Amino acid sequence: MKDKNQHAVWLRVGGTLFVTEGEMEMLMHSEKDVASYLLHRLLQKGRFEPNGDSYIPADCVDAYNQNYETTYCVEDVEFSL
C-alpha cells in the first residue's frame, strides 16, 4: 500500500503463479469476477514470482508526468526479471 511519499505508476509484470489444480480450473473456467477474486487472493498470499518480461507502457509514463509534474521520456520502459 502506498504512503504519502509514494506515487502510483501502472506496471505490467510477467511472472509465475503457483496454483493447485482446483485453482487453475477456477482461473480458467470461472466467471470473470470469481477468477479475478481468486487471482487477487493468490497475489496477496505471495503465490506469485515476478520472473518475466515486464514494462511500464509509454501512456502510463505520460500520465505519471501529468499527475506528478515530471518530465520523464515518454516511451515504454522494459524490464526482464
C-alpha atoms as a PDB file:
ATOM      1  CA  MET A   1       0.000   0.000   0.000  1.00  0.00           C
ATOM      2  CA  LYS A   2       1.200   3.476  -0.751  1.00  0.00           C
ATOM      3  CA  ASP A   3       2.259   6.056   1.796  1.00  0.00           C
ATOM      4  CA  LYS A   4       2.385   9.833   1.433  1.00  0.00           C
ATOM      5  CA  ASN A   5       5.873   9.792  -0.139  1.00  0.00           C
ATOM      6  CA  GLN A   6       4.981   7.312  -2.884  1.00  0.00           C
ATOM      7  CA  HIS A   7       3.470   7.896  -6.320  1.00  0.00           C
ATOM      8  CA  ALA A   8       1.423   5.404  -8.322  1.00  0.00           C
ATOM      9  CA  VAL A   9       2.500   4.152 -11.750  1.00  0.00           C
ATOM     10  CA  TRP A  10       0.888   1.289 -13.653  1.00  0.00           C
ATOM     11  CA  LEU A  11       3.186  -1.648 -14.454  1.00  0.00           C
ATOM     12  CA  ARG A  12       2.543  -4.917 -16.305  1.00  0.00           C
ATOM     13  CA  VAL A  13       4.512  -7.646 -14.518  1.00  0.00           C
ATOM     14  CA  GLY A  14       5.314 -11.029 -16.037  1.00  0.00           C
ATOM     15  CA  GLY A  15       5.874 -13.961 -13.767  1.00  0.00           C
ATOM     16  CA  THR A  16       4.834 -17.325 -12.436  1.00  0.00           C
ATOM     17  CA  LEU A  17       1.694 -18.002 -10.422  1.00  0.00           C
ATOM     18  CA  PHE A  18       1.716 -21.049  -8.117  1.00  0.00           C
ATOM     19  CA  VAL A  19      -1.706 -22.752  -8.095  1.00  0.00           C
ATOM     20  CA  THR A  20      -3.378 -26.013  -7.185  1.00  0.00           C
ATOM     21  CA  GLU A  21      -5.235 -27.997  -9.828  1.00  0.00           C
ATOM     22  CA  GLY A  22      -8.537 -26.718  -8.439  1.00  0.00           C
ATOM     23  CA  GLU A  23      -7.349 -23.089  -8.507  1.00  0.00           C
ATOM     24  CA  MET A  24      -6.222 -23.451 -12.110  1.00  0.00           C
ATOM     25  CA  GLU A  25      -9.649 -24.812 -13.004  1.00  0.00           C
ATOM     26  CA  MET A  26     -11.246 -21.796 -11.324  1.00  0.00           C
ATOM     27  CA  LEU A  27      -8.930 -19.341 -13.101  1.00  0.00           C
ATOM     28  CA  MET A  28      -9.640 -20.883 -16.493  1.00  0.00           C
ATOM     29  CA  HIS A  29     -13.355 -21.666 -16.273  1.00  0.00           C
ATOM     30  CA  SER A  30     -14.987 -19.453 -13.629  1.00  0.00           C
ATOM     31  CA  GLU A  31     -16.942 -16.288 -14.119  1.00  0.00           C
ATOM     32  CA  LYS A  32     -14.578 -13.352 -14.539  1.00  0.00           C
ATOM     33  CA  ASP A  33     -15.316 -11.854 -11.111  1.00  0.00           C
ATOM     34  CA  VAL A  34     -14.687 -15.206  -9.353  1.00  0.00           C
ATOM     35  CA  ALA A  35     -11.399 -15.739 -11.225  1.00  0.00           C
ATOM     36  CA  SER A  36     -10.337 -12.151 -10.514  1.00  0.00           C
ATOM     37  CA  TYR A  37     -11.080 -12.567  -6.810  1.00  0.00           C
ATOM     38  CA  LEU A  38      -9.029 -15.783  -6.716  1.00  0.00           C
ATOM     39  CA  LEU A  39      -6.124 -14.148  -8.547  1.00  0.00           C
ATOM     40  CA  HIS A  40      -6.162 -11.238  -6.111  1.00  0.00           C
ATOM     41  CA  ARG A  41      -6.163 -13.661  -3.167  1.00  0.00           C
ATOM     42  CA  LEU A  42      -3.246 -15.669  -4.614  1.00  0.00           C
ATOM     43  CA  LEU A  43      -1.223 -12.495  -5.135  1.00  0.00           C
ATOM     44  CA  GLN A  44      -1.924 -11.354  -1.575  1.00  0.00           C
ATOM     45  CA  LYS A  45      -0.736 -14.727  -0.270  1.00  0.00           C
ATOM     46  CA  GLY A  46       2.575 -14.333  -2.111  1.00  0.00           C
ATOM     47  CA  ARG A  47       1.980 -17.176  -4.554  1.00  0.00           C
ATOM     48  CA  PHE A  48       3.464 -15.227  -7.442  1.00  0.00           C
ATOM     49  CA  GLU A  49       7.080 -14.877  -8.505  1.00  0.00           C
ATOM     50  CA  PRO A  50       7.994 -11.969 -10.809  1.00  0.00           C
ATOM     51  CA  ASN A  51      10.324 -13.539 -13.356  1.00  0.00           C
ATOM     52  CA  GLY A  52       9.343 -12.473 -16.839  1.00  0.00           C
ATOM     53  CA  ASP A  53       9.125  -9.600 -19.257  1.00  0.00           C
ATOM     54  CA  SER A  54       7.623  -6.570 -17.547  1.00  0.00           C
ATOM     55  CA  TYR A  55       7.104  -2.971 -18.599  1.00  0.00           C
ATOM     56  CA  ILE A  56       5.650   0.437 -17.879  1.00  0.00           C
ATOM     57  CA  PRO A  57       3.718   1.474 -21.011  1.00  0.00           C
ATOM     58  CA  ALA A  58       4.508   4.856 -22.582  1.00  0.00           C
ATOM     59  CA  ASP A  59       0.979   6.135 -21.941  1.00  0.00           C
ATOM     60  CA  CYS A  60       1.458   5.376 -18.225  1.00  0.00           C
ATOM     61  CA  VAL A  61       4.723   7.335 -18.225  1.00  0.00           C
ATOM     62  CA  ASP A  62       2.841  10.212 -19.852  1.00  0.00           C
ATOM     63  CA  ALA A  63       0.081  10.014 -17.230  1.00  0.00           C
ATOM     64  CA  TYR A  64       2.711   9.920 -14.473  1.00  0.00           C
ATOM     65  CA  ASN A  65       4.330  13.057 -15.904  1.00  0.00           C
ATOM     66  CA  GLN A  66       0.981  14.830 -15.966  1.00  0.00           C
ATOM     67  CA  ASN A  67      -0.031  13.704 -12.472  1.00  0.00           C
ATOM     68  CA  TYR A  68       3.259  14.476 -10.762  1.00  0.00           C
ATOM     69  CA  GLU A  69       4.636  17.294 -12.956  1.00  0.00           C
ATOM     70  CA  THR A  70       7.688  15.298 -14.075  1.00  0.00           C
ATOM     71  CA  THR A  71       9.349  15.158 -17.481  1.00  0.00           C
ATOM     72  CA  TYR A  72      10.367  11.534 -17.984  1.00  0.00           C
ATOM     73  CA  CYS A  73      10.848  10.464 -21.603  1.00  0.00           C
ATOM     74  CA  VAL A  74       7.509   9.095 -22.823  1.00  0.00           C
ATOM     75  CA  GLU A  75       8.402   5.593 -24.007  1.00  0.00           C
ATOM     76  CA  ASP A  76       7.838   2.012 -22.914  1.00  0.00           C
ATOM     77  CA  VAL A  77      10.187   1.168 -20.056  1.00  0.00           C
ATOM     78  CA  GLU A  78      11.032  -2.542 -20.261  1.00  0.00           C
ATOM     79  CA  PHE A  79      12.407  -4.899 -17.615  1.00  0.00           C
ATOM     80  CA  SER A  80      13.441  -8.540 -17.788  1.00  0.00           C
ATOM     81  CA  LEU A  81      13.052 -10.072 -14.333  1.00  0.00           C
END
